[in-house]
Amino acid sequence: MCEEHEGFTLWFTGLPCSGKSAVGDRVAEILKDKGHNVERLDGDIVRKDLTRDLGFSKRDRDENLRRVTFVAKLLSRNGVAVLTSFISPYREMRDRARQETTNFVEIYAKCPLDVCIQRDVKGMYQKAIRGEIKEFTGISDPYEEPLNPEIVLETDKETVDESVQKVLRRLGELGLV
């Protein structure tokens, strides 16, 4: 049984292959070990179930994040630590998530495009560069960097463990863990 904790939403955002999921997965494990009720909402997983009817146009991306925000709102207001990992390229939708969820913490996985391209084991960037994938964030679709995130992870300079510790320290400072 999990201890009673106040809910919160950690919103990991950044370019594809910037390290959002790697850090988010590890933070989730640690929070679970500390007795938090934790749920992970990851872009690849959510698109298989909750939003499989959507594509990657701006309208579909906004709808994807509207649905995710709704789920995060329900969970976080009921004491769950919700960790989301989504490119979420548009500030407007991240701002909406901030307004609608409990104890929202924006975490920017900041990573240069060339490093993200090098990390891409699926070859998605190369397909986008060749024009085989339309509306690919960072190549043919914009990414609006966060203006004032609570946490900035420099995932090209930090190890996953260093980034995880940065997140946990800030959550402690915010009184969430």
Protein backbone atom coordinates (compact mmCIF):
# COMPACT_ATOMS: atom_id res chain seq x y z
CA MET A 1 0.00 0.00 0.00
CA CYS A 2 1.31 3.44 -0.92
CA GLU A 3 1.62 6.18 1.67
CA GLU A 4 -0.55 9.29 1.37
CA HIS A 5 1.22 11.95 -0.68
CA GLU A 6 0.01 15.05 -2.44
CA GLY A 7 -0.37 14.52 -6.18
CA PHE A 8 1.69 16.30 -8.78
CA THR A 9 2.40 16.30 -12.51
CA LEU A 10 5.92 16.15 -13.86
CA TRP A 11 5.75 17.19 -17.50
CA PHE A 12 8.91 16.12 -19.37
CA THR A 13 9.18 17.96 -22.69
CA GLY A 14 11.87 18.12 -25.35
CA LEU A 15 12.82 17.06 -28.84
CA PRO A 16 12.52 13.40 -29.87
CA CYS A 17 15.45 11.42 -28.40
CA SER A 18 16.31 14.16 -25.91
CA GLY A 19 16.16 11.78 -22.92
CA LYS A 20 12.67 12.51 -21.56
CA SER A 21 11.61 8.89 -21.17
CA ALA A 22 14.93 7.61 -19.83
CA VAL A 23 14.96 10.16 -17.02
CA GLY A 24 11.21 9.91 -16.40
CA ASP A 25 11.30 6.12 -16.12
CA ARG A 26 14.08 6.24 -13.54
CA VAL A 27 12.42 9.03 -11.51
CA ALA A 28 9.20 6.97 -11.50
CA GLU A 29 11.04 3.92 -10.14
CA ILE A 30 12.60 5.94 -7.33
CA LEU A 31 9.31 7.62 -6.38
CA LYS A 32 7.57 4.22 -6.28
CA ASP A 33 10.35 2.90 -4.02
CA LYS A 34 9.73 5.89 -1.72
CA GLY A 35 6.04 4.99 -1.39
CA HIS A 36 4.47 7.33 -3.93
CA ASN A 37 1.54 6.22 -6.05
CA VAL A 38 3.02 6.77 -9.52
CA GLU A 39 1.64 6.63 -13.05
CA ARG A 40 3.71 7.07 -16.23
CA LEU A 41 2.17 8.59 -19.32
CA ASP A 42 4.67 8.22 -22.16
CA GLY A 43 4.07 9.38 -25.72
CA ASP A 44 4.80 6.06 -27.43
CA ILE A 45 2.58 4.09 -25.04
CA VAL A 46 -0.30 6.58 -24.95
CA ARG A 47 -0.42 6.72 -28.75
CA LYS A 48 -0.97 2.94 -28.85
CA ASP A 49 -4.07 3.08 -26.64
CA LEU A 50 -5.54 6.44 -25.70
CA THR A 51 -4.78 8.42 -28.85
CA ARG A 52 -4.20 5.87 -31.61
CA ASP A 53 -6.80 7.65 -33.76
CA LEU A 54 -4.60 10.76 -33.99
CA GLY A 55 -1.83 11.73 -36.38
CA PHE A 56 0.85 14.37 -36.02
CA SER A 57 -0.76 17.52 -37.40
CA LYS A 58 -0.87 20.47 -35.01
CA ARG A 59 -4.56 19.82 -34.44
CA ASP A 60 -3.96 16.13 -33.64
CA ARG A 61 -0.98 16.91 -31.40
CA ASP A 62 -3.10 19.41 -29.48
CA GLU A 63 -5.88 16.83 -29.10
CA ASN A 64 -3.34 14.23 -27.96
CA LEU A 65 -2.12 16.55 -25.21
CA ARG A 66 -5.66 17.62 -24.30
CA ARG A 67 -6.49 13.97 -23.57
CA VAL A 68 -3.25 13.40 -21.68
CA THR A 69 -3.84 16.56 -19.64
CA PHE A 70 -7.31 15.31 -18.71
CA VAL A 71 -5.91 11.99 -17.49
CA ALA A 72 -3.08 13.76 -15.61
CA LYS A 73 -5.63 16.11 -14.02
CA LEU A 74 -7.74 13.22 -12.74
CA LEU A 75 -4.77 11.33 -11.38
CA SER A 76 -2.85 14.24 -9.84
CA ARG A 77 -5.86 15.66 -8.03
CA ASN A 78 -6.31 12.22 -6.44
CA GLY A 79 -2.84 12.03 -4.94
CA VAL A 80 -0.99 10.36 -7.80
CA ALA A 81 2.47 11.40 -8.95
CA VAL A 82 1.97 11.62 -12.72
CA LEU A 83 5.09 11.59 -14.88
CA THR A 84 4.46 12.46 -18.50
CA SER A 85 7.00 12.26 -21.33
CA PHE A 86 5.78 14.00 -24.46
CA ILE A 87 7.50 16.12 -27.04
CA SER A 88 4.62 18.57 -26.48
CA PRO A 89 6.11 21.03 -28.95
CA TYR A 90 3.70 23.92 -28.39
CA ARG A 91 3.84 26.21 -25.33
CA GLU A 92 0.09 26.78 -25.44
CA MET A 93 -0.67 23.13 -24.67
CA ARG A 94 1.99 22.90 -21.95
CA ASP A 95 0.51 26.05 -20.38
CA ARG A 96 -2.92 24.44 -20.49
CA ALA A 97 -1.58 21.36 -18.72
CA ARG A 98 -0.01 23.63 -16.09
CA GLN A 99 -3.37 25.31 -15.43
CA GLU A 100 -5.40 22.11 -15.29
CA THR A 101 -3.23 19.69 -13.30
CA THR A 102 -2.15 19.61 -9.68
CA ASN A 103 1.34 20.81 -8.74
CA PHE A 104 2.59 21.01 -12.33
CA VAL A 105 6.37 20.89 -12.81
CA GLU A 106 7.70 21.49 -16.31
CA ILE A 107 10.94 19.61 -17.00
CA TYR A 108 12.78 20.56 -20.16
CA ALA A 109 15.08 17.86 -21.52
CA LYS A 110 17.32 20.30 -23.37
CA CYS A 111 19.44 18.59 -25.97
CA PRO A 112 20.93 19.90 -29.22
CA LEU A 113 19.32 18.61 -32.40
CA ASP A 114 22.54 17.00 -33.65
CA VAL A 115 22.82 14.94 -30.45
CA CYS A 116 19.17 13.87 -30.71
CA ILE A 117 19.80 12.76 -34.29
CA GLN A 118 22.84 10.72 -33.17
CA ARG A 119 20.78 9.04 -30.42
CA ASP A 120 17.92 8.05 -32.74
CA VAL A 121 18.07 4.26 -32.93
CA LYS A 122 14.75 4.08 -34.83
CA GLY A 123 16.04 6.25 -37.70
CA MET A 124 13.08 8.63 -37.49
CA TYR A 125 15.18 11.77 -37.92
CA GLN A 126 16.81 10.43 -41.09
CA LYS A 127 13.39 9.58 -42.50
CA ALA A 128 12.18 13.09 -41.66
CA ILE A 129 15.28 14.65 -43.23
CA ARG A 130 14.61 12.64 -46.41
CA GLY A 131 10.99 13.85 -46.38
CA GLU A 132 9.54 10.41 -45.66
CA ILE A 133 7.97 11.63 -42.40
CA LYS A 134 5.98 14.86 -42.51
CA GLU A 135 5.49 17.17 -39.52
CA PHE A 136 8.42 15.79 -37.54
CA THR A 137 9.34 17.97 -34.58
CA GLY A 138 12.73 19.60 -34.94
CA ILE A 139 12.96 18.95 -38.68
CA SER A 140 9.76 19.96 -40.49
CA ASP A 141 7.68 21.04 -37.49
CA PRO A 142 8.65 23.55 -34.79
CA TYR A 143 9.51 22.96 -31.15
CA GLU A 144 8.80 25.92 -28.88
CA GLU A 145 11.28 25.76 -26.03
CA PRO A 146 9.84 26.35 -22.56
CA LEU A 147 10.29 29.91 -21.35
CA ASN A 148 10.45 29.25 -17.59
CA PRO A 149 10.56 25.53 -16.81
CA GLU A 150 11.00 24.55 -13.19
CA ILE A 151 13.80 22.17 -14.21
CA VAL A 152 16.19 22.18 -17.16
CA LEU A 153 18.06 18.96 -17.84
CA GLU A 154 21.06 19.30 -20.13
CA THR A 155 20.88 15.71 -21.29
CA ASP A 156 23.81 16.05 -23.66
CA LYS A 157 26.06 17.01 -20.72
CA GLU A 158 24.50 15.11 -17.81
CA THR A 159 24.22 11.39 -17.26
CA VAL A 160 20.75 9.97 -16.73
CA ASP A 161 21.57 9.60 -13.03
CA GLU A 162 22.69 13.23 -12.78
CA SER A 163 19.48 14.38 -14.43
CA VAL A 164 17.42 12.13 -12.13
CA GLN A 165 19.13 13.60 -9.06
CA LYS A 166 18.46 17.12 -10.34
CA VAL A 167 14.74 16.29 -10.65
CA LEU A 168 14.57 14.71 -7.20
CA ARG A 169 16.41 17.64 -5.58
CA ARG A 170 14.00 20.15 -7.11
CA LEU A 171 10.97 18.09 -6.09
CA GLY A 172 12.32 18.18 -2.55
CA GLU A 173 12.76 21.95 -2.74
CA LEU A 174 9.17 22.27 -3.94
CA GLY A 175 7.99 20.10 -1.03
CA LEU A 176 6.57 17.41 -3.28
CA VAL A 177 8.79 14.55 -2.06
